[in-house]
Amino acid sequence: MFTGLIRQLGTLETRSPRPGGARIRIAAPAELLARAELGASIAVNGACLTSVAVDGRAWEADLSEETLAKTTLGRLAPGAILHLEPALRVGDPLDGHLVSGHVDAVGQVLSRQDDEGLWRFSLPADLAPMTAPKGSVAVDGISLTVVDCGTDWFTVALIPETVKRTALTGLRSGDPVNLEADPIGRYVARALALRGTADRLTDFAQRGWKA
């Protein structure tokens, strides 16, 4: 599990094909490398990866075909700046929200209004029931609060400090991002769907929680 608070930034050095997927090498700060021992879980742009090699300046992880297909990690060019977060430890503060590191889908930046801090992202229709105003969403691994949402989009408010300290500062309209829905929304949507309450599910997707 993760919190969606980006601890360090890394740099994608290489991505090489391997049977069944690919291997990536990520240069990272010493503090992150100390947590990247073999078998450790590290979230990379929101995708939970397992360290398979580490040295004094970088660590490596294998990507399955599924990960390559369902995330942005197979599209990024060498030199790309990556969000890195080691796995949550018992006793660590939970300052963001619970993030599993299982990317649900890839969305796109639709617009960014830097003067107001309002960013708009596309949203696959099947994630709409799990997305609600004031709920949580992870964008490239960053824990954010939904301001508003529709059936195929949502907005978040970003403070300048968040943009400055993450790779978001380099994103432009049309750029892809990894999305992970709030786990609470996931289970509520699943429960309502199994009970056949289509009207309630639609209402939840459009208006969020009601007292």
N, C-alpha and C. Protein backbone atom coordinates (compact mmCIF):
# COMPACT_ATOMS: atom_id res chain seq x y z
N MET A 1 0.84 -1.19 0.00
CA MET A 1 0.00 0.00 0.00
C MET A 1 0.88 1.25 0.00
N PHE A 2 0.30 2.34 -0.52
CA PHE A 2 1.01 3.60 -0.61
C PHE A 2 0.07 4.71 -0.13
N THR A 3 0.59 5.94 -0.07
CA THR A 3 -0.22 7.05 0.41
C THR A 3 -0.53 8.07 -0.67
N GLY A 4 0.17 7.99 -1.81
CA GLY A 4 -0.04 8.98 -2.85
C GLY A 4 0.73 10.27 -2.62
N LEU A 5 1.66 10.25 -1.66
CA LEU A 5 2.54 11.39 -1.43
C LEU A 5 3.90 11.08 -2.04
N ILE A 6 4.30 11.84 -3.03
CA ILE A 6 5.54 11.55 -3.75
C ILE A 6 6.74 11.90 -2.88
N ARG A 7 7.56 10.91 -2.59
CA ARG A 7 8.71 11.11 -1.71
C ARG A 7 9.94 11.59 -2.47
N GLN A 8 10.18 11.00 -3.63
CA GLN A 8 11.33 11.38 -4.44
C GLN A 8 10.97 11.35 -5.93
N LEU A 9 11.81 11.99 -6.72
CA LEU A 9 11.71 11.91 -8.17
C LEU A 9 12.88 11.09 -8.70
N GLY A 10 12.62 10.31 -9.74
CA GLY A 10 13.67 9.54 -10.38
C GLY A 10 13.71 9.85 -11.86
N THR A 11 14.67 9.26 -12.54
CA THR A 11 14.81 9.47 -13.99
C THR A 11 14.87 8.13 -14.69
N LEU A 12 14.03 7.95 -15.71
CA LEU A 12 14.06 6.72 -16.50
C LEU A 12 15.33 6.70 -17.33
N GLU A 13 16.22 5.75 -17.03
CA GLU A 13 17.46 5.65 -17.78
C GLU A 13 17.30 4.78 -19.02
N THR A 14 16.75 3.59 -18.86
CA THR A 14 16.60 2.68 -19.99
C THR A 14 15.32 1.85 -19.84
N ARG A 15 14.81 1.38 -20.95
CA ARG A 15 13.74 0.38 -20.97
C ARG A 15 14.10 -0.62 -22.06
N SER A 16 14.35 -1.85 -21.66
CA SER A 16 14.80 -2.86 -22.61
C SER A 16 13.80 -4.00 -22.66
N PRO A 17 13.50 -4.51 -23.85
CA PRO A 17 12.54 -5.62 -23.96
C PRO A 17 13.08 -6.90 -23.34
N ARG A 18 12.18 -7.66 -22.77
CA ARG A 18 12.49 -8.96 -22.19
C ARG A 18 11.33 -9.89 -22.52
N PRO A 19 11.55 -11.19 -22.49
CA PRO A 19 10.43 -12.12 -22.73
C PRO A 19 9.28 -11.84 -21.77
N GLY A 20 8.10 -11.59 -22.31
CA GLY A 20 6.93 -11.33 -21.48
C GLY A 20 6.81 -9.90 -21.00
N GLY A 21 7.66 -8.99 -21.49
CA GLY A 21 7.54 -7.61 -21.03
C GLY A 21 8.79 -6.80 -21.28
N ALA A 22 9.22 -6.08 -20.25
CA ALA A 22 10.39 -5.21 -20.38
C ALA A 22 11.02 -5.00 -19.01
N ARG A 23 12.23 -4.48 -19.00
CA ARG A 23 12.90 -4.10 -17.75
C ARG A 23 13.27 -2.63 -17.85
N ILE A 24 13.02 -1.89 -16.77
CA ILE A 24 13.39 -0.48 -16.74
C ILE A 24 14.43 -0.25 -15.65
N ARG A 25 15.28 0.73 -15.91
CA ARG A 25 16.30 1.15 -14.94
C ARG A 25 16.04 2.61 -14.60
N ILE A 26 15.96 2.89 -13.28
CA ILE A 26 15.58 4.21 -12.81
C ILE A 26 16.65 4.76 -11.89
N ALA A 27 17.24 5.87 -12.26
CA ALA A 27 18.17 6.57 -11.38
C ALA A 27 17.36 7.27 -10.30
N ALA A 28 17.83 7.19 -9.05
CA ALA A 28 17.05 7.72 -7.94
C ALA A 28 17.97 8.22 -6.83
N PRO A 29 17.45 9.09 -5.95
CA PRO A 29 18.24 9.56 -4.81
C PRO A 29 18.59 8.43 -3.86
N ALA A 30 19.65 8.63 -3.07
CA ALA A 30 20.13 7.60 -2.15
C ALA A 30 19.06 7.17 -1.16
N GLU A 31 18.23 8.13 -0.71
CA GLU A 31 17.18 7.81 0.25
C GLU A 31 16.20 6.78 -0.31
N LEU A 32 15.86 6.91 -1.58
CA LEU A 32 14.96 5.96 -2.22
C LEU A 32 15.67 4.63 -2.45
N LEU A 33 16.91 4.66 -2.89
CA LEU A 33 17.66 3.43 -3.16
C LEU A 33 17.81 2.59 -1.90
N ALA A 34 17.86 3.24 -0.74
CA ALA A 34 17.97 2.50 0.52
C ALA A 34 16.71 1.69 0.80
N ARG A 35 15.58 2.07 0.19
CA ARG A 35 14.32 1.34 0.36
C ARG A 35 14.06 0.39 -0.80
N ALA A 36 14.96 0.35 -1.79
CA ALA A 36 14.73 -0.45 -2.99
C ALA A 36 15.51 -1.76 -2.95
N GLU A 37 15.62 -2.35 -1.78
CA GLU A 37 16.28 -3.65 -1.70
C GLU A 37 15.53 -4.68 -2.53
N LEU A 38 16.19 -5.76 -2.90
CA LEU A 38 15.57 -6.76 -3.77
C LEU A 38 14.24 -7.23 -3.19
N GLY A 39 13.21 -7.21 -4.01
CA GLY A 39 11.88 -7.65 -3.59
C GLY A 39 11.02 -6.55 -3.03
N ALA A 40 11.59 -5.36 -2.81
CA ALA A 40 10.81 -4.25 -2.25
C ALA A 40 9.83 -3.70 -3.27
N SER A 41 8.71 -3.16 -2.78
CA SER A 41 7.71 -2.54 -3.64
C SER A 41 7.92 -1.03 -3.69
N ILE A 42 7.99 -0.50 -4.89
CA ILE A 42 8.13 0.93 -5.11
C ILE A 42 7.06 1.35 -6.13
N ALA A 43 6.31 2.40 -5.83
CA ALA A 43 5.34 2.92 -6.79
C ALA A 43 6.05 3.87 -7.75
N VAL A 44 5.89 3.62 -9.04
CA VAL A 44 6.49 4.44 -10.09
C VAL A 44 5.36 5.04 -10.91
N ASN A 45 5.17 6.34 -10.80
CA ASN A 45 4.02 7.01 -11.43
C ASN A 45 2.72 6.29 -11.10
N GLY A 46 2.65 5.81 -9.87
CA GLY A 46 1.43 5.19 -9.38
C GLY A 46 1.32 3.70 -9.60
N ALA A 47 2.27 3.09 -10.32
CA ALA A 47 2.24 1.64 -10.57
C ALA A 47 3.20 0.93 -9.61
N CYS A 48 2.70 -0.02 -8.87
CA CYS A 48 3.52 -0.76 -7.92
C CYS A 48 4.45 -1.72 -8.66
N LEU A 49 5.76 -1.52 -8.51
CA LEU A 49 6.75 -2.36 -9.14
C LEU A 49 7.65 -2.99 -8.09
N THR A 50 8.29 -4.10 -8.45
CA THR A 50 9.16 -4.82 -7.53
C THR A 50 10.62 -4.65 -7.95
N SER A 51 11.44 -4.28 -7.00
CA SER A 51 12.87 -4.10 -7.29
C SER A 51 13.52 -5.46 -7.56
N VAL A 52 14.19 -5.56 -8.70
CA VAL A 52 14.88 -6.82 -9.05
C VAL A 52 16.39 -6.63 -9.10
N ALA A 53 16.86 -5.39 -9.02
CA ALA A 53 18.29 -5.10 -8.99
C ALA A 53 18.47 -3.68 -8.48
N VAL A 54 19.55 -3.44 -7.76
CA VAL A 54 19.82 -2.11 -7.24
C VAL A 54 21.33 -1.94 -7.06
N ASP A 55 21.83 -0.74 -7.34
CA ASP A 55 23.23 -0.44 -7.08
C ASP A 55 23.31 0.95 -6.46
N GLY A 56 24.45 1.57 -6.50
CA GLY A 56 24.63 2.83 -5.81
C GLY A 56 23.98 4.04 -6.45
N ARG A 57 23.42 3.90 -7.65
CA ARG A 57 22.83 5.06 -8.31
C ARG A 57 21.47 4.79 -8.96
N ALA A 58 21.07 3.52 -9.08
CA ALA A 58 19.81 3.23 -9.76
C ALA A 58 19.26 1.88 -9.31
N TRP A 59 17.98 1.66 -9.63
CA TRP A 59 17.36 0.36 -9.36
C TRP A 59 16.59 -0.06 -10.60
N GLU A 60 16.24 -1.36 -10.66
CA GLU A 60 15.58 -1.90 -11.84
C GLU A 60 14.32 -2.66 -11.46
N ALA A 61 13.38 -2.69 -12.40
CA ALA A 61 12.12 -3.41 -12.20
C ALA A 61 11.67 -4.01 -13.52
N ASP A 62 10.99 -5.14 -13.43
CA ASP A 62 10.44 -5.79 -14.62
C ASP A 62 8.99 -5.37 -14.80
N LEU A 63 8.60 -5.14 -16.05
CA LEU A 63 7.23 -4.79 -16.40
C LEU A 63 6.61 -5.92 -17.19
N SER A 64 5.43 -6.36 -16.78
CA SER A 64 4.72 -7.39 -17.53
C SER A 64 4.05 -6.75 -18.75
N GLU A 65 3.57 -7.58 -19.65
CA GLU A 65 2.83 -7.07 -20.81
C GLU A 65 1.59 -6.31 -20.35
N GLU A 66 0.96 -6.78 -19.28
CA GLU A 66 -0.23 -6.11 -18.74
C GLU A 66 0.11 -4.70 -18.26
N THR A 67 1.23 -4.58 -17.55
CA THR A 67 1.65 -3.26 -17.07
C THR A 67 1.98 -2.33 -18.23
N LEU A 68 2.64 -2.86 -19.24
CA LEU A 68 2.98 -2.05 -20.41
C LEU A 68 1.72 -1.57 -21.12
N ALA A 69 0.68 -2.42 -21.15
CA ALA A 69 -0.54 -2.09 -21.88
C ALA A 69 -1.44 -1.14 -21.09
N LYS A 70 -1.46 -1.26 -19.77
CA LYS A 70 -2.43 -0.53 -18.95
C LYS A 70 -1.88 0.70 -18.25
N THR A 71 -0.59 1.00 -18.44
CA THR A 71 -0.01 2.18 -17.82
C THR A 71 0.78 2.97 -18.86
N THR A 72 1.32 4.09 -18.43
CA THR A 72 2.14 4.91 -19.32
C THR A 72 3.60 4.49 -19.34
N LEU A 73 3.97 3.50 -18.53
CA LEU A 73 5.39 3.17 -18.37
C LEU A 73 6.03 2.61 -19.63
N GLY A 74 5.23 2.11 -20.55
CA GLY A 74 5.77 1.62 -21.81
C GLY A 74 5.90 2.70 -22.86
N ARG A 75 5.42 3.91 -22.56
CA ARG A 75 5.41 4.99 -23.54
C ARG A 75 6.45 6.07 -23.25
N LEU A 76 6.90 6.14 -22.00
CA LEU A 76 7.79 7.22 -21.61
C LEU A 76 9.18 7.05 -22.23
N ALA A 77 9.75 8.15 -22.64
CA ALA A 77 11.08 8.13 -23.25
C ALA A 77 12.17 8.19 -22.18
N PRO A 78 13.33 7.62 -22.46
CA PRO A 78 14.45 7.77 -21.52
C PRO A 78 14.67 9.24 -21.19
N GLY A 79 14.94 9.50 -19.92
CA GLY A 79 15.08 10.87 -19.46
C GLY A 79 13.84 11.40 -18.79
N ALA A 80 12.72 10.67 -18.91
CA ALA A 80 11.47 11.10 -18.29
C ALA A 80 11.62 11.13 -16.77
N ILE A 81 11.03 12.16 -16.14
CA ILE A 81 11.04 12.27 -14.69
C ILE A 81 9.88 11.44 -14.13
N LEU A 82 10.18 10.65 -13.10
CA LEU A 82 9.20 9.71 -12.55
C LEU A 82 8.91 10.01 -11.08
N HIS A 83 7.66 9.79 -10.69
CA HIS A 83 7.26 9.90 -9.29
C HIS A 83 7.57 8.58 -8.58
N LEU A 84 8.26 8.65 -7.47
CA LEU A 84 8.64 7.44 -6.73
C LEU A 84 8.12 7.51 -5.29
N GLU A 85 7.54 6.40 -4.85
CA GLU A 85 7.10 6.31 -3.45
C GLU A 85 7.33 4.89 -2.95
N PRO A 86 8.13 4.71 -1.89
CA PRO A 86 8.29 3.37 -1.30
C PRO A 86 7.01 2.96 -0.60
N ALA A 87 6.88 1.66 -0.37
CA ALA A 87 5.66 1.14 0.25
C ALA A 87 5.48 1.70 1.67
N LEU A 88 4.22 1.85 2.06
CA LEU A 88 3.86 2.34 3.38
C LEU A 88 4.29 1.33 4.44
N ARG A 89 4.91 1.83 5.50
CA ARG A 89 5.30 1.00 6.64
C ARG A 89 4.34 1.22 7.80
N VAL A 90 4.17 0.18 8.64
CA VAL A 90 3.33 0.32 9.82
C VAL A 90 3.90 1.44 10.69
N GLY A 91 3.05 2.39 11.03
CA GLY A 91 3.48 3.53 11.83
C GLY A 91 3.76 4.77 11.02
N ASP A 92 3.89 4.63 9.69
CA ASP A 92 4.08 5.81 8.84
C ASP A 92 2.80 6.65 8.81
N PRO A 93 2.93 7.97 8.72
CA PRO A 93 1.72 8.81 8.64
C PRO A 93 1.00 8.61 7.31
N LEU A 94 -0.31 8.58 7.37
CA LEU A 94 -1.13 8.44 6.16
C LEU A 94 -1.66 9.84 5.82
N ASP A 95 -0.82 10.63 5.17
CA ASP A 95 -1.18 12.02 4.89
C ASP A 95 -1.97 12.18 3.60
N GLY A 96 -1.96 11.17 2.74
CA GLY A 96 -2.74 11.23 1.50
C GLY A 96 -3.98 10.38 1.64
N HIS A 97 -4.08 9.32 0.82
CA HIS A 97 -5.14 8.33 0.99
C HIS A 97 -4.56 6.97 0.61
N LEU A 98 -5.23 5.91 0.98
CA LEU A 98 -4.74 4.58 0.67
C LEU A 98 -4.72 4.35 -0.84
N VAL A 99 -3.54 4.05 -1.36
CA VAL A 99 -3.34 3.81 -2.79
C VAL A 99 -2.73 2.42 -2.94
N SER A 100 -3.31 1.59 -3.80
CA SER A 100 -2.84 0.21 -3.94
C SER A 100 -1.66 0.08 -4.89
N GLY A 101 -1.50 1.05 -5.79
CA GLY A 101 -0.46 0.91 -6.81
C GLY A 101 -0.91 0.08 -7.99
N HIS A 102 -2.21 -0.19 -8.08
CA HIS A 102 -2.78 -0.92 -9.22
C HIS A 102 -3.50 0.08 -10.12
N VAL A 103 -2.86 0.45 -11.20
CA VAL A 103 -3.41 1.47 -12.10
C VAL A 103 -4.66 0.94 -12.78
N ASP A 104 -5.74 1.72 -12.71
CA ASP A 104 -7.01 1.31 -13.31
C ASP A 104 -7.08 1.62 -14.79
N ALA A 105 -6.50 2.75 -15.19
CA ALA A 105 -6.63 3.18 -16.58
C ALA A 105 -5.66 4.32 -16.84
N VAL A 106 -5.52 4.64 -18.12
CA VAL A 106 -4.74 5.80 -18.52
C VAL A 106 -5.71 6.88 -18.99
N GLY A 107 -5.58 8.08 -18.41
CA GLY A 107 -6.36 9.23 -18.83
C GLY A 107 -5.46 10.23 -19.52
N GLN A 108 -6.00 11.40 -19.81
CA GLN A 108 -5.23 12.44 -20.46
C GLN A 108 -5.47 13.79 -19.79
N VAL A 109 -4.46 14.64 -19.84
CA VAL A 109 -4.65 16.02 -19.42
C VAL A 109 -5.51 16.70 -20.47
N LEU A 110 -6.64 17.26 -20.05
CA LEU A 110 -7.51 17.98 -20.97
C LEU A 110 -7.20 19.48 -20.95
N SER A 111 -6.93 20.00 -19.77
CA SER A 111 -6.59 21.41 -19.67
C SER A 111 -5.97 21.68 -18.30
N ARG A 112 -5.22 22.78 -18.20
CA ARG A 112 -4.67 23.22 -16.92
C ARG A 112 -4.76 24.74 -16.85
N GLN A 113 -5.36 25.21 -15.76
CA GLN A 113 -5.48 26.65 -15.53
C GLN A 113 -4.56 27.00 -14.36
N ASP A 114 -3.34 27.35 -14.68
CA ASP A 114 -2.35 27.55 -13.64
C ASP A 114 -2.69 28.72 -12.72
N ASP A 115 -3.39 29.73 -13.23
CA ASP A 115 -3.74 30.86 -12.38
C ASP A 115 -4.72 30.46 -11.29
N GLU A 116 -5.61 29.52 -11.59
CA GLU A 116 -6.58 29.04 -10.61
C GLU A 116 -6.19 27.70 -10.01
N GLY A 117 -5.20 27.03 -10.61
CA GLY A 117 -4.79 25.73 -10.11
C GLY A 117 -5.74 24.62 -10.45
N LEU A 118 -6.63 24.85 -11.40
CA LEU A 118 -7.65 23.85 -11.75
C LEU A 118 -7.19 23.05 -12.97
N TRP A 119 -7.08 21.74 -12.79
CA TRP A 119 -6.68 20.84 -13.87
C TRP A 119 -7.85 19.93 -14.21
N ARG A 120 -8.00 19.64 -15.49
CA ARG A 120 -9.09 18.77 -15.96
C ARG A 120 -8.47 17.57 -16.68
N PHE A 121 -8.93 16.38 -16.34
CA PHE A 121 -8.42 15.14 -16.92
C PHE A 121 -9.57 14.33 -17.53
N SER A 122 -9.25 13.56 -18.56
CA SER A 122 -10.25 12.64 -19.11
C SER A 122 -10.36 11.43 -18.19
N LEU A 123 -11.51 10.77 -18.27
CA LEU A 123 -11.81 9.66 -17.37
C LEU A 123 -12.55 8.57 -18.14
N PRO A 124 -12.03 7.35 -18.20
CA PRO A 124 -12.77 6.27 -18.84
C PRO A 124 -14.14 6.09 -18.18
N ALA A 125 -15.15 5.80 -18.97
CA ALA A 125 -16.52 5.73 -18.46
C ALA A 125 -16.67 4.72 -17.32
N ASP A 126 -15.90 3.62 -17.34
CA ASP A 126 -16.08 2.62 -16.29
C ASP A 126 -15.49 3.05 -14.96
N LEU A 127 -14.74 4.15 -14.93
CA LEU A 127 -14.23 4.67 -13.66
C LEU A 127 -15.14 5.75 -13.08
N ALA A 128 -16.08 6.23 -13.86
CA ALA A 128 -16.97 7.30 -13.39
C ALA A 128 -17.71 6.94 -12.11
N PRO A 129 -18.25 5.71 -11.96
CA PRO A 129 -18.95 5.38 -10.72
C PRO A 129 -18.05 5.37 -9.49
N MET A 130 -16.74 5.32 -9.68
CA MET A 130 -15.81 5.29 -8.56
C MET A 130 -15.22 6.66 -8.27
N THR A 131 -15.68 7.68 -8.97
CA THR A 131 -15.13 9.02 -8.86
C THR A 131 -16.23 9.98 -8.43
N ALA A 132 -15.99 10.70 -7.33
CA ALA A 132 -17.02 11.59 -6.80
C ALA A 132 -16.40 12.87 -6.27
N PRO A 133 -17.14 13.99 -6.34
CA PRO A 133 -16.65 15.24 -5.77
C PRO A 133 -16.26 15.06 -4.30
N LYS A 134 -15.12 15.61 -3.92
CA LYS A 134 -14.54 15.51 -2.58
C LYS A 134 -13.94 14.14 -2.31
N GLY A 135 -14.04 13.23 -3.26
CA GLY A 135 -13.40 11.93 -3.11
C GLY A 135 -11.94 12.01 -3.55
N SER A 136 -11.24 10.90 -3.42
CA SER A 136 -9.83 10.86 -3.75
C SER A 136 -9.59 10.16 -5.08
N VAL A 137 -8.49 10.55 -5.73
CA VAL A 137 -8.05 9.91 -6.96
C VAL A 137 -6.53 10.02 -6.98
N ALA A 138 -5.86 9.04 -7.56
CA ALA A 138 -4.41 9.10 -7.73
C ALA A 138 -4.11 9.35 -9.21
N VAL A 139 -3.36 10.40 -9.47
CA VAL A 139 -2.94 10.76 -10.83
C VAL A 139 -1.43 10.64 -10.90
N ASP A 140 -0.94 9.69 -11.69
CA ASP A 140 0.49 9.38 -11.73
C ASP A 140 1.04 9.17 -10.33
N GLY A 141 0.21 8.56 -9.48
CA GLY A 141 0.64 8.23 -8.13
C GLY A 141 0.44 9.32 -7.11
N ILE A 142 -0.03 10.50 -7.51
CA ILE A 142 -0.22 11.62 -6.59
C ILE A 142 -1.64 11.59 -6.02
N SER A 143 -1.77 11.63 -4.71
CA SER A 143 -3.08 11.67 -4.06
C SER A 143 -3.69 13.05 -4.24
N LEU A 144 -4.86 13.10 -4.91
CA LEU A 144 -5.54 14.36 -5.17
C LEU A 144 -7.01 14.25 -4.80
N THR A 145 -7.63 15.40 -4.57
CA THR A 145 -9.05 15.46 -4.24
C THR A 145 -9.84 15.94 -5.44
N VAL A 146 -10.88 15.20 -5.78
CA VAL A 146 -11.73 15.56 -6.92
C VAL A 146 -12.55 16.80 -6.58
N VAL A 147 -12.53 17.78 -7.47
CA VAL A 147 -13.36 18.98 -7.31
C VAL A 147 -14.72 18.74 -7.93
N ASP A 148 -14.73 18.29 -9.17
CA ASP A 148 -15.98 18.03 -9.88
C ASP A 148 -15.73 16.92 -10.88
N CYS A 149 -16.77 16.28 -11.37
CA CYS A 149 -16.59 15.18 -12.32
C CYS A 149 -17.85 14.94 -13.12
N GLY A 150 -17.66 14.33 -14.29
CA GLY A 150 -18.76 13.92 -15.14
C GLY A 150 -18.59 12.47 -15.51
N THR A 151 -19.19 12.04 -16.58
CA THR A 151 -19.09 10.64 -16.98
C THR A 151 -17.78 10.32 -17.66
N ASP A 152 -17.06 11.34 -18.14
CA ASP A 152 -15.80 11.05 -18.82
C ASP A 152 -14.71 12.09 -18.51
N TRP A 153 -14.85 12.81 -17.39
CA TRP A 153 -13.85 13.79 -17.00
C TRP A 153 -13.93 14.05 -15.50
N PHE A 154 -12.86 14.62 -14.97
CA PHE A 154 -12.87 15.11 -13.58
C PHE A 154 -11.88 16.25 -13.46
N THR A 155 -12.05 17.07 -12.44
CA THR A 155 -11.13 18.17 -12.19
C THR A 155 -10.55 18.05 -10.79
N VAL A 156 -9.36 18.58 -10.62
CA VAL A 156 -8.70 18.66 -9.31
C VAL A 156 -8.08 20.05 -9.17
N ALA A 157 -7.91 20.49 -7.94
CA ALA A 157 -7.25 21.76 -7.67
C ALA A 157 -5.83 21.46 -7.17
N LEU A 158 -4.85 22.03 -7.83
CA LEU A 158 -3.45 21.79 -7.50
C LEU A 158 -2.80 23.08 -7.01
N ILE A 159 -2.16 23.00 -5.86
CA ILE A 159 -1.43 24.17 -5.38
C ILE A 159 -0.08 24.23 -6.09
N PRO A 160 0.50 25.42 -6.23
CA PRO A 160 1.77 25.55 -6.95
C PRO A 160 2.88 24.66 -6.39
N GLU A 161 2.89 24.43 -5.08
CA GLU A 161 3.93 23.61 -4.47
C GLU A 161 3.90 22.19 -5.00
N THR A 162 2.69 21.64 -5.18
CA THR A 162 2.56 20.27 -5.70
C THR A 162 3.08 20.19 -7.13
N VAL A 163 2.72 21.17 -7.95
CA VAL A 163 3.16 21.18 -9.34
C VAL A 163 4.68 21.32 -9.41
N LYS A 164 5.24 22.20 -8.57
CA LYS A 164 6.67 22.47 -8.61
C LYS A 164 7.49 21.25 -8.19
N ARG A 165 6.98 20.49 -7.24
CA ARG A 165 7.76 19.38 -6.67
C ARG A 165 7.50 18.04 -7.37
N THR A 166 6.72 18.03 -8.42
CA THR A 166 6.42 16.80 -9.15
C THR A 166 6.67 17.01 -10.64
N ALA A 167 6.50 15.93 -11.39
CA ALA A 167 6.66 16.01 -12.84
C ALA A 167 5.45 16.64 -13.53
N LEU A 168 4.42 17.00 -12.76
CA LEU A 168 3.24 17.62 -13.35
C LEU A 168 3.58 18.92 -14.06
N THR A 169 4.62 19.58 -13.59
CA THR A 169 4.97 20.87 -14.17
C THR A 169 5.25 20.78 -15.67
N GLY A 170 5.67 19.61 -16.15
CA GLY A 170 5.99 19.45 -17.56
C GLY A 170 4.85 18.91 -18.41
N LEU A 171 3.69 18.63 -17.79
CA LEU A 171 2.58 18.07 -18.55
C LEU A 171 1.83 19.13 -19.33
N ARG A 172 1.34 18.72 -20.49
CA ARG A 172 0.56 19.59 -21.35
C ARG A 172 -0.72 18.87 -21.79
N SER A 173 -1.63 19.60 -22.38
CA SER A 173 -2.88 19.00 -22.86
C SER A 173 -2.58 17.84 -23.81
N GLY A 174 -3.25 16.72 -23.58
CA GLY A 174 -3.06 15.54 -24.41
C GLY A 174 -2.08 14.53 -23.83
N ASP A 175 -1.29 14.94 -22.84
CA ASP A 175 -0.33 14.01 -22.24
C ASP A 175 -1.07 12.94 -21.42
N PRO A 176 -0.61 11.68 -21.48
CA PRO A 176 -1.27 10.61 -20.74
C PRO A 176 -0.82 10.56 -19.28
N VAL A 177 -1.71 10.11 -18.42
CA VAL A 177 -1.42 9.95 -16.99
C VAL A 177 -2.05 8.65 -16.49
N ASN A 178 -1.43 8.06 -15.48
CA ASN A 178 -1.98 6.87 -14.85
C ASN A 178 -3.04 7.27 -13.83
N LEU A 179 -4.16 6.55 -13.81
CA LEU A 179 -5.25 6.84 -12.88
C LEU A 179 -5.54 5.63 -12.00
N GLU A 180 -5.75 5.90 -10.72
CA GLU A 180 -6.24 4.86 -9.81
C GLU A 180 -7.39 5.42 -9.00
N ALA A 181 -8.53 4.74 -9.05
CA ALA A 181 -9.71 5.19 -8.32
C ALA A 181 -9.55 4.94 -6.83
N ASP A 182 -10.29 5.71 -6.05
CA ASP A 182 -10.32 5.53 -4.60
C ASP A 182 -10.85 4.13 -4.28
N PRO A 183 -10.14 3.35 -3.45
CA PRO A 183 -10.62 2.00 -3.12
C PRO A 183 -12.02 1.99 -2.53
N ILE A 184 -12.38 3.01 -1.74
CA ILE A 184 -13.72 3.05 -1.16
C ILE A 184 -14.77 3.15 -2.26
N GLY A 185 -14.53 4.04 -3.22
CA GLY A 185 -15.46 4.17 -4.33
C GLY A 185 -15.57 2.90 -5.14
N ARG A 186 -14.47 2.18 -5.26
CA ARG A 186 -14.46 0.93 -6.01
C ARG A 186 -15.44 -0.08 -5.41
N TYR A 187 -15.40 -0.21 -4.08
CA TYR A 187 -16.24 -1.22 -3.43
C TYR A 187 -17.70 -0.78 -3.35
N VAL A 188 -17.94 0.52 -3.19
CA VAL A 188 -19.32 1.01 -3.21
C VAL A 188 -19.93 0.76 -4.59
N ALA A 189 -19.18 1.07 -5.64
CA ALA A 189 -19.69 0.87 -7.00
C ALA A 189 -19.96 -0.60 -7.27
N ARG A 190 -19.07 -1.46 -6.81
CA ARG A 190 -19.24 -2.89 -7.01
C ARG A 190 -20.48 -3.40 -6.27
N ALA A 191 -20.66 -2.97 -5.03
CA ALA A 191 -21.80 -3.43 -4.24
C ALA A 191 -23.12 -3.00 -4.87
N LEU A 192 -23.18 -1.73 -5.33
CA LEU A 192 -24.40 -1.24 -5.95
C LEU A 192 -24.68 -1.96 -7.27
N ALA A 193 -23.62 -2.24 -8.03
CA ALA A 193 -23.80 -2.92 -9.31
C ALA A 193 -24.34 -4.33 -9.10
N LEU A 194 -23.83 -5.04 -8.09
CA LEU A 194 -24.28 -6.41 -7.84
C LEU A 194 -25.72 -6.45 -7.35
N ARG A 195 -26.17 -5.37 -6.72
CA ARG A 195 -27.55 -5.31 -6.25
C ARG A 195 -28.49 -4.83 -7.34
N GLY A 196 -27.94 -4.54 -8.52
CA GLY A 196 -28.79 -4.14 -9.63
C GLY A 196 -29.37 -2.76 -9.50
N THR A 197 -28.72 -1.91 -8.71
CA THR A 197 -29.26 -0.57 -8.49
C THR A 197 -28.61 0.40 -9.47
N ALA A 198 -28.95 0.28 -10.73
CA ALA A 198 -28.34 1.10 -11.77
C ALA A 198 -28.61 2.58 -11.55
N ASP A 199 -29.83 2.93 -11.11
CA ASP A 199 -30.18 4.33 -10.88
C ASP A 199 -29.33 4.92 -9.77
N ARG A 200 -29.13 4.16 -8.69
CA ARG A 200 -28.32 4.65 -7.58
C ARG A 200 -26.86 4.81 -8.02
N LEU A 201 -26.38 3.88 -8.83
CA LEU A 201 -25.01 3.95 -9.30
C LEU A 201 -24.79 5.19 -10.16
N THR A 202 -25.76 5.47 -11.03
CA THR A 202 -25.66 6.67 -11.87
C THR A 202 -25.69 7.93 -11.01
N ASP A 203 -26.56 7.94 -10.01
CA ASP A 203 -26.66 9.10 -9.13
C ASP A 203 -25.37 9.30 -8.36
N PHE A 204 -24.77 8.20 -7.90
CA PHE A 204 -23.50 8.28 -7.18
C PHE A 204 -22.41 8.85 -8.08
N ALA A 205 -22.37 8.40 -9.33
CA ALA A 205 -21.34 8.87 -10.25
C ALA A 205 -21.47 10.37 -10.54
N GLN A 206 -22.71 10.85 -10.55
CA GLN A 206 -22.95 12.24 -10.92
C GLN A 206 -22.88 13.20 -9.74
N ARG A 207 -23.35 12.73 -8.58
CA ARG A 207 -23.47 13.67 -7.45
C ARG A 207 -22.65 13.30 -6.22
N GLY A 208 -22.05 12.12 -6.23
CA GLY A 208 -21.20 11.73 -5.10
C GLY A 208 -22.01 11.35 -3.87
N TRP A 209 -21.35 11.45 -2.71
CA TRP A 209 -21.96 11.03 -1.46
C TRP A 209 -23.08 12.00 -1.06
N LYS A 210 -24.14 11.46 -0.48
CA LYS A 210 -25.22 12.27 0.04
C LYS A 210 -25.41 11.92 1.50
N ALA A 211 -25.74 12.90 2.30
CA ALA A 211 -25.94 12.67 3.72
C ALA A 211 -27.20 11.84 3.93
